[in-house]
Amino acid sequence: MRIGVVTFPGSLDDRDAQRAVRTAGATPVALWHGAHDLEGVDAIILPGGFSYGDYLRAGAIASHSPIMAEIIDAAGKGVPVLGICNGFQTLAEARLVPGAHTRNAHQQFIRRDQKLRVENANTAWTNAFDTNDEIIIPMKNADGRFVADAETLKRIEGEGQVVFRYVDVNPNGSLNDIAGVSNERGNVVGLMPHPEHATEPGFGPDTVDAMSSGTDGLRFFESVIATLVR
């Protein structure tokens, strides 16, 4: 199982995503933003960071990178794609998922372990969860506020495209507490928190069991592997 991880200028978490893929049991493949070759990968991850320095808008320039033309085509054919933080912003700018992102409501950068509720456990990246599972995933963003017009919000809420919702606290002012969404087909998912930072004991978020013991993020990568072997 080969899962590609794209590196853009300014990507910070591409190596972390590759490690998460390897930890889950698949083979990570480094993909370059300027290439037009997906190298035959079975799934694709757009990692977190500050692609192109977040000039114009976060993810705006990255959405026009050469490799995105190939990713848009692959997504349309059903290839699983996950966008994490800046990758989520890039997916939104490329219109692969609904909505957009603006500056956090309090105008400050956020870094915290965040509780999420799984709203849709039927996507390519969430089938290892159960609906209403509550998980802890680290997050870090400055432009993470999810926004959409009223019609879009009504549609994605009604059609099950809200995949994750913030629990206990809404850290960035996202409408309807939305932390992650999918496309209609469910093969493309974007979220602001970072599951790749919660895959190995000793390096994840704190839990009631022990400090740095959280591994809820591993199930994202196990989900897509399960999707691909079906």
C-alpha atoms as a PDB file:
ATOM      1  CA  MET A   1       0.000   0.000   0.000  1.00  0.00           C
ATOM      2  CA  ARG A   2       1.618   3.273  -1.164  1.00  0.00           C
ATOM      3  CA  ILE A   3       0.429   6.583   0.255  1.00  0.00           C
ATOM      4  CA  GLY A   4       1.830   9.791  -1.197  1.00  0.00           C
ATOM      5  CA  VAL A   5       2.657  12.810   0.947  1.00  0.00           C
ATOM      6  CA  VAL A   6       3.055  16.085  -0.950  1.00  0.00           C
ATOM      7  CA  THR A   7       5.766  18.570  -0.012  1.00  0.00           C
ATOM      8  CA  PHE A   8       5.071  22.222  -0.845  1.00  0.00           C
ATOM      9  CA  PRO A   9       7.480  25.097  -0.172  1.00  0.00           C
ATOM     10  CA  GLY A  10       6.770  25.806   3.500  1.00  0.00           C
ATOM     11  CA  SER A  11       5.407  22.367   4.423  1.00  0.00           C
ATOM     12  CA  LEU A  12       6.289  21.520   8.029  1.00  0.00           C
ATOM     13  CA  ASP A  13       4.597  18.220   8.742  1.00  0.00           C
ATOM     14  CA  ASP A  14       5.302  16.191   5.631  1.00  0.00           C
ATOM     15  CA  ARG A  15       7.879  13.988   7.384  1.00  0.00           C
ATOM     16  CA  ASP A  16       5.492  13.511  10.317  1.00  0.00           C
ATOM     17  CA  ALA A  17       2.769  12.380   7.903  1.00  0.00           C
ATOM     18  CA  GLN A  18       5.192   9.970   6.233  1.00  0.00           C
ATOM     19  CA  ARG A  19       6.069   8.518   9.632  1.00  0.00           C
ATOM     20  CA  ALA A  20       2.378   8.121  10.493  1.00  0.00           C
ATOM     21  CA  VAL A  21       1.787   6.247   7.235  1.00  0.00           C
ATOM     22  CA  ARG A  22       4.707   3.938   8.018  1.00  0.00           C
ATOM     23  CA  THR A  23       3.500   3.396  11.585  1.00  0.00           C
ATOM     24  CA  ALA A  24       0.085   2.340  10.277  1.00  0.00           C
ATOM     25  CA  GLY A  25       1.700  -0.264   8.028  1.00  0.00           C
ATOM     26  CA  ALA A  26       1.763   1.386   4.604  1.00  0.00           C
ATOM     27  CA  THR A  27       4.619   2.731   2.483  1.00  0.00           C
ATOM     28  CA  PRO A  28       4.982   6.532   2.364  1.00  0.00           C
ATOM     29  CA  VAL A  29       5.933   8.084  -0.961  1.00  0.00           C
ATOM     30  CA  ALA A  30       7.306  11.631  -1.086  1.00  0.00           C
ATOM     31  CA  LEU A  31       5.609  13.711  -3.807  1.00  0.00           C
ATOM     32  CA  TRP A  32       6.911  17.083  -4.975  1.00  0.00           C
ATOM     33  CA  HIS A  33       4.563  20.036  -5.531  1.00  0.00           C
ATOM     34  CA  GLY A  34       6.116  20.888  -8.878  1.00  0.00           C
ATOM     35  CA  ALA A  35       5.702  17.431 -10.401  1.00  0.00           C
ATOM     36  CA  HIS A  36       2.896  16.038 -12.524  1.00  0.00           C
ATOM     37  CA  ASP A  37       3.544  12.433 -11.450  1.00  0.00           C
ATOM     38  CA  LEU A  38       1.646  10.806  -8.577  1.00  0.00           C
ATOM     39  CA  GLU A  39       3.959   7.777  -8.893  1.00  0.00           C
ATOM     40  CA  GLY A  40       1.107   5.299  -8.778  1.00  0.00           C
ATOM     41  CA  VAL A  41       0.163   5.953  -5.151  1.00  0.00           C
ATOM     42  CA  ASP A  42      -3.055   4.536  -3.729  1.00  0.00           C
ATOM     43  CA  ALA A  43      -3.912   7.560  -1.549  1.00  0.00           C
ATOM     44  CA  ILE A  44      -2.611  11.096  -1.012  1.00  0.00           C
ATOM     45  CA  ILE A  45      -1.986  13.354   1.989  1.00  0.00           C
ATOM     46  CA  LEU A  46      -1.613  17.129   1.854  1.00  0.00           C
ATOM     47  CA  PRO A  47       0.298  17.951   5.064  1.00  0.00           C
ATOM     48  CA  GLY A  48       0.292  20.886   7.433  1.00  0.00           C
ATOM     49  CA  GLY A  49       2.592  23.879   7.337  1.00  0.00           C
ATOM     50  CA  PHE A  50       2.626  27.275   5.655  1.00  0.00           C
ATOM     51  CA  SER A  51       2.706  26.509   1.943  1.00  0.00           C
ATOM     52  CA  TYR A  52       4.195  29.408   0.008  1.00  0.00           C
ATOM     53  CA  GLY A  53       4.283  31.363   3.259  1.00  0.00           C
ATOM     54  CA  ASP A  54       0.456  31.546   3.295  1.00  0.00           C
ATOM     55  CA  TYR A  55       0.687  34.506   0.926  1.00  0.00           C
ATOM     56  CA  LEU A  56      -2.638  35.716  -0.510  1.00  0.00           C
ATOM     57  CA  ARG A  57      -4.595  33.218   1.633  1.00  0.00           C
ATOM     58  CA  ALA A  58      -3.573  30.040   3.395  1.00  0.00           C
ATOM     59  CA  GLY A  59      -3.460  27.280   0.785  1.00  0.00           C
ATOM     60  CA  ALA A  60      -4.355  29.581  -2.116  1.00  0.00           C
ATOM     61  CA  ILE A  61      -1.085  29.326  -4.054  1.00  0.00           C
ATOM     62  CA  ALA A  62      -0.608  25.646  -3.201  1.00  0.00           C
ATOM     63  CA  SER A  63      -3.992  24.886  -4.750  1.00  0.00           C
ATOM     64  CA  HIS A  64      -2.533  25.920  -8.118  1.00  0.00           C
ATOM     65  CA  SER A  65       0.674  23.869  -7.834  1.00  0.00           C
ATOM     66  CA  PRO A  66       1.298  21.538 -10.784  1.00  0.00           C
ATOM     67  CA  ILE A  67       0.682  18.402  -8.731  1.00  0.00           C
ATOM     68  CA  MET A  68      -2.753  19.651  -7.688  1.00  0.00           C
ATOM     69  CA  ALA A  69      -4.024  19.185 -11.231  1.00  0.00           C
ATOM     70  CA  GLU A  70      -3.182  15.498 -10.883  1.00  0.00           C
ATOM     71  CA  ILE A  71      -4.658  15.299  -7.384  1.00  0.00           C
ATOM     72  CA  ILE A  72      -7.918  16.908  -8.475  1.00  0.00           C
ATOM     73  CA  ASP A  73      -8.168  14.375 -11.293  1.00  0.00           C
ATOM     74  CA  ALA A  74      -7.328  11.468  -8.976  1.00  0.00           C
ATOM     75  CA  ALA A  75      -9.854  12.609  -6.359  1.00  0.00           C
ATOM     76  CA  GLY A  76     -12.519  12.686  -9.040  1.00  0.00           C
ATOM     77  CA  LYS A  77     -11.741   9.048  -9.770  1.00  0.00           C
ATOM     78  CA  GLY A  78     -12.170   8.070  -6.121  1.00  0.00           C
ATOM     79  CA  VAL A  79      -8.571   8.108  -4.863  1.00  0.00           C
ATOM     80  CA  PRO A  80      -8.576   8.904  -1.109  1.00  0.00           C
ATOM     81  CA  VAL A  81      -7.138  12.333  -0.268  1.00  0.00           C
ATOM     82  CA  LEU A  82      -6.563  13.740   3.218  1.00  0.00           C
ATOM     83  CA  GLY A  83      -5.813  17.417   3.863  1.00  0.00           C
ATOM     84  CA  ILE A  84      -4.409  18.286   7.285  1.00  0.00           C
ATOM     85  CA  CYS A  85      -4.470  21.914   8.492  1.00  0.00           C
ATOM     86  CA  ASN A  86      -2.741  23.766   5.625  1.00  0.00           C
ATOM     87  CA  GLY A  87      -3.666  20.779   3.488  1.00  0.00           C
ATOM     88  CA  PHE A  88      -7.315  21.290   4.446  1.00  0.00           C
ATOM     89  CA  GLN A  89      -7.018  24.932   3.437  1.00  0.00           C
ATOM     90  CA  THR A  90      -5.524  23.830   0.121  1.00  0.00           C
ATOM     91  CA  LEU A  91      -8.362  21.362  -0.490  1.00  0.00           C
ATOM     92  CA  ALA A  92     -10.894  24.114   0.163  1.00  0.00           C
ATOM     93  CA  GLU A  93      -9.094  26.530  -2.164  1.00  0.00           C
ATOM     94  CA  ALA A  94      -9.057  23.818  -4.847  1.00  0.00           C
ATOM     95  CA  ARG A  95     -12.813  23.265  -4.285  1.00  0.00           C
ATOM     96  CA  LEU A  96     -12.278  19.616  -3.418  1.00  0.00           C
ATOM     97  CA  VAL A  97     -14.146  20.142  -0.143  1.00  0.00           C
ATOM     98  CA  PRO A  98     -16.756  22.778   0.749  1.00  0.00           C
ATOM     99  CA  GLY A  99     -16.151  25.928   2.769  1.00  0.00           C
ATOM    100  CA  ALA A 100     -13.194  28.232   3.343  1.00  0.00           C
ATOM    101  CA  HIS A 101     -10.910  29.368   6.166  1.00  0.00           C
ATOM    102  CA  THR A 102     -10.292  32.756   7.725  1.00  0.00           C
ATOM    103  CA  ARG A 103      -8.179  34.109  10.575  1.00  0.00           C
ATOM    104  CA  ASN A 104      -9.011  32.613  13.970  1.00  0.00           C
ATOM    105  CA  ALA A 105     -11.780  34.578  15.689  1.00  0.00           C
ATOM    106  CA  HIS A 106      -9.494  35.829  18.467  1.00  0.00           C
ATOM    107  CA  GLN A 107      -6.707  36.708  15.976  1.00  0.00           C
ATOM    108  CA  GLN A 108      -4.176  34.457  17.697  1.00  0.00           C
ATOM    109  CA  PHE A 109      -2.230  31.355  16.758  1.00  0.00           C
ATOM    110  CA  ILE A 110      -3.550  28.222  18.535  1.00  0.00           C
ATOM    111  CA  ARG A 111      -1.541  25.262  19.779  1.00  0.00           C
ATOM    112  CA  ARG A 112      -3.452  22.797  21.948  1.00  0.00           C
ATOM    113  CA  ASP A 113      -4.659  19.214  22.296  1.00  0.00           C
ATOM    114  CA  GLN A 114      -8.229  19.350  21.035  1.00  0.00           C
ATOM    115  CA  LYS A 115     -11.194  17.080  21.695  1.00  0.00           C
ATOM    116  CA  LEU A 116     -13.184  16.204  18.571  1.00  0.00           C
ATOM    117  CA  ARG A 117     -16.365  14.265  17.973  1.00  0.00           C
ATOM    118  CA  VAL A 118     -16.546  11.965  14.956  1.00  0.00           C
ATOM    119  CA  GLU A 119     -19.678  12.929  13.045  1.00  0.00           C
ATOM    120  CA  ASN A 120     -19.192  10.654  10.034  1.00  0.00           C
ATOM    121  CA  ALA A 121     -17.439   7.297  10.348  1.00  0.00           C
ATOM    122  CA  ASN A 122     -18.159   6.251   6.770  1.00  0.00           C
ATOM    123  CA  THR A 123     -15.432   8.105   4.885  1.00  0.00           C
ATOM    124  CA  ALA A 124     -12.220   6.667   3.483  1.00  0.00           C
ATOM    125  CA  TRP A 125     -10.297   8.204   6.383  1.00  0.00           C
ATOM    126  CA  THR A 126     -12.676   7.591   9.317  1.00  0.00           C
ATOM    127  CA  ASN A 127     -14.070   4.058   8.979  1.00  0.00           C
ATOM    128  CA  ALA A 128     -11.931   2.803  11.902  1.00  0.00           C
ATOM    129  CA  PHE A 129     -13.984   5.066  14.198  1.00  0.00           C
ATOM    130  CA  ASP A 130     -17.582   4.869  15.344  1.00  0.00           C
ATOM    131  CA  THR A 131     -19.951   7.799  14.931  1.00  0.00           C
ATOM    132  CA  ASN A 132     -19.923   9.968  18.077  1.00  0.00           C
ATOM    133  CA  ASP A 133     -16.492   8.737  19.168  1.00  0.00           C
ATOM    134  CA  GLU A 134     -14.647  11.488  21.033  1.00  0.00           C
ATOM    135  CA  ILE A 135     -10.946  11.682  20.294  1.00  0.00           C
ATOM    136  CA  ILE A 136      -8.001  13.924  21.217  1.00  0.00           C
ATOM    137  CA  ILE A 137      -5.910  15.333  18.370  1.00  0.00           C
ATOM    138  CA  PRO A 138      -3.273  18.104  18.543  1.00  0.00           C
ATOM    139  CA  MET A 139      -3.965  21.283  16.610  1.00  0.00           C
ATOM    140  CA  LYS A 140      -1.951  24.356  15.649  1.00  0.00           C
ATOM    141  CA  ASN A 141      -3.259  27.041  13.327  1.00  0.00           C
ATOM    142  CA  ALA A 142      -3.745  30.758  12.773  1.00  0.00           C
ATOM    143  CA  ASP A 143      -6.238  30.642   9.896  1.00  0.00           C
ATOM    144  CA  GLY A 144      -8.397  27.752  11.029  1.00  0.00           C
ATOM    145  CA  ARG A 145     -11.834  29.304  11.279  1.00  0.00           C
ATOM    146  CA  PHE A 146     -14.134  27.276   9.009  1.00  0.00           C
ATOM    147  CA  VAL A 147     -16.702  29.440   7.230  1.00  0.00           C
ATOM    148  CA  ALA A 148     -19.380  28.851   4.593  1.00  0.00           C
ATOM    149  CA  ASP A 149     -22.565  30.526   3.444  1.00  0.00           C
ATOM    150  CA  ALA A 150     -25.856  29.498   5.018  1.00  0.00           C
ATOM    151  CA  GLU A 151     -26.913  27.350   2.053  1.00  0.00           C
ATOM    152  CA  THR A 152     -23.634  25.422   2.042  1.00  0.00           C
ATOM    153  CA  LEU A 153     -23.811  24.866   5.797  1.00  0.00           C
ATOM    154  CA  LYS A 154     -27.341  23.511   5.515  1.00  0.00           C
ATOM    155  CA  ARG A 155     -26.337  21.209   2.679  1.00  0.00           C
ATOM    156  CA  ILE A 156     -23.224  19.721   4.282  1.00  0.00           C
ATOM    157  CA  GLU A 157     -24.969  19.274   7.620  1.00  0.00           C
ATOM    158  CA  GLY A 158     -27.876  17.522   5.934  1.00  0.00           C
ATOM    159  CA  GLU A 159     -25.746  15.315   3.700  1.00  0.00           C
ATOM    160  CA  GLY A 160     -23.308  14.132   6.368  1.00  0.00           C
ATOM    161  CA  GLN A 161     -20.300  16.004   5.035  1.00  0.00           C
ATOM    162  CA  VAL A 162     -19.380  17.362   8.458  1.00  0.00           C
ATOM    163  CA  VAL A 163     -16.860  14.739   9.568  1.00  0.00           C
ATOM    164  CA  PHE A 164     -15.482  16.225  12.803  1.00  0.00           C
ATOM    165  CA  ARG A 165     -16.764  18.774  15.279  1.00  0.00           C
ATOM    166  CA  TYR A 166     -14.957  20.554  18.129  1.00  0.00           C
ATOM    167  CA  VAL A 167     -16.062  19.447  21.618  1.00  0.00           C
ATOM    168  CA  ASP A 168     -16.004  21.448  24.894  1.00  0.00           C
ATOM    169  CA  VAL A 169     -14.410  24.489  23.271  1.00  0.00           C
ATOM    170  CA  ASN A 170     -14.469  25.983  19.794  1.00  0.00           C
ATOM    171  CA  PRO A 171     -10.841  27.095  19.527  1.00  0.00           C
ATOM    172  CA  ASN A 172     -11.025  29.284  16.426  1.00  0.00           C
ATOM    173  CA  GLY A 173     -14.636  30.370  15.952  1.00  0.00           C
ATOM    174  CA  SER A 174     -15.466  27.852  13.221  1.00  0.00           C
ATOM    175  CA  LEU A 175     -19.125  27.930  12.242  1.00  0.00           C
ATOM    176  CA  ASN A 176     -21.195  25.110  13.761  1.00  0.00           C
ATOM    177  CA  ASP A 177     -18.033  23.966  15.616  1.00  0.00           C
ATOM    178  CA  ILE A 178     -16.882  22.306  12.385  1.00  0.00           C
ATOM    179  CA  ALA A 179     -13.366  20.856  12.555  1.00  0.00           C
ATOM    180  CA  GLY A 180     -13.400  18.748   9.391  1.00  0.00           C
ATOM    181  CA  VAL A 181     -15.497  18.052   6.307  1.00  0.00           C
ATOM    182  CA  SER A 182     -15.565  15.720   3.311  1.00  0.00           C
ATOM    183  CA  ASN A 183     -16.609  15.840  -0.297  1.00  0.00           C
ATOM    184  CA  GLU A 184     -19.917  14.211  -1.233  1.00  0.00           C
ATOM    185  CA  ARG A 185     -18.278  10.919  -2.148  1.00  0.00           C
ATOM    186  CA  GLY A 186     -16.365  10.662   1.129  1.00  0.00           C
ATOM    187  CA  ASN A 187     -12.962   9.907  -0.394  1.00  0.00           C
ATOM    188  CA  VAL A 188     -11.655  13.447   0.248  1.00  0.00           C
ATOM    189  CA  VAL A 189     -11.466  14.643   3.867  1.00  0.00           C
ATOM    190  CA  GLY A 190      -9.968  17.785   5.370  1.00  0.00           C
ATOM    191  CA  LEU A 191      -9.523  18.737   9.017  1.00  0.00           C
ATOM    192  CA  MET A 192      -7.616  21.379  10.967  1.00  0.00           C
ATOM    193  CA  PRO A 193      -6.175  19.233  13.817  1.00  0.00           C
ATOM    194  CA  HIS A 194      -3.140  17.028  13.131  1.00  0.00           C
ATOM    195  CA  PRO A 195      -3.743  13.256  13.404  1.00  0.00           C
ATOM    196  CA  GLU A 196      -0.139  12.553  12.369  1.00  0.00           C
ATOM    197  CA  HIS A 197       0.937  13.947  15.747  1.00  0.00           C
ATOM    198  CA  ALA A 198      -1.112  11.347  17.634  1.00  0.00           C
ATOM    199  CA  THR A 199       0.089   8.004  16.316  1.00  0.00           C
ATOM    200  CA  GLU A 200       2.783   6.794  18.733  1.00  0.00           C
ATOM    201  CA  PRO A 201       2.736   6.424  22.527  1.00  0.00           C
ATOM    202  CA  GLY A 202       5.125   8.881  24.119  1.00  0.00           C
ATOM    203  CA  PHE A 203       4.707  11.465  21.391  1.00  0.00           C
ATOM    204  CA  GLY A 204       0.965  12.169  21.318  1.00  0.00           C
ATOM    205  CA  PRO A 205      -1.428  14.241  23.416  1.00  0.00           C
ATOM    206  CA  ASP A 206      -1.957  13.623  27.122  1.00  0.00           C
ATOM    207  CA  THR A 207      -4.738  11.219  28.104  1.00  0.00           C
ATOM    208  CA  VAL A 208      -6.290  10.165  31.396  1.00  0.00           C
ATOM    209  CA  ASP A 209      -4.001   7.123  31.288  1.00  0.00           C
ATOM    210  CA  ALA A 210      -0.644   8.861  30.885  1.00  0.00           C
ATOM    211  CA  MET A 211       1.129  11.917  29.537  1.00  0.00           C
ATOM    212  CA  SER A 212       1.793  11.931  25.781  1.00  0.00           C
ATOM    213  CA  SER A 213       0.033   8.584  25.350  1.00  0.00           C
ATOM    214  CA  GLY A 214      -2.708   9.523  22.881  1.00  0.00           C
ATOM    215  CA  THR A 215      -2.784   7.607  19.588  1.00  0.00           C
ATOM    216  CA  ASP A 216      -6.239   8.449  18.257  1.00  0.00           C
ATOM    217  CA  GLY A 217      -4.692   9.798  15.067  1.00  0.00           C
ATOM    218  CA  LEU A 218      -3.425   6.384  14.020  1.00  0.00           C
ATOM    219  CA  ARG A 219      -6.959   5.325  13.120  1.00  0.00           C
ATOM    220  CA  PHE A 220      -7.063   7.864  10.277  1.00  0.00           C
ATOM    221  CA  PHE A 221      -4.271   6.023   8.505  1.00  0.00           C
ATOM    222  CA  GLU A 222      -5.593   2.586   9.435  1.00  0.00           C
ATOM    223  CA  SER A 223      -8.953   3.668   7.978  1.00  0.00           C
ATOM    224  CA  VAL A 224      -7.546   4.463   4.564  1.00  0.00           C
ATOM    225  CA  ILE A 225      -5.552   1.224   4.496  1.00  0.00           C
ATOM    226  CA  ALA A 226      -8.781  -0.672   5.264  1.00  0.00           C
ATOM    227  CA  THR A 227     -10.529   1.265   2.500  1.00  0.00           C
ATOM    228  CA  LEU A 228      -7.868   0.357  -0.030  1.00  0.00           C
ATOM    229  CA  VAL A 229      -7.765  -3.390   0.737  1.00  0.00           C
ATOM    230  CA  ARG A 230     -11.521  -3.867   0.402  1.00  0.00           C
END
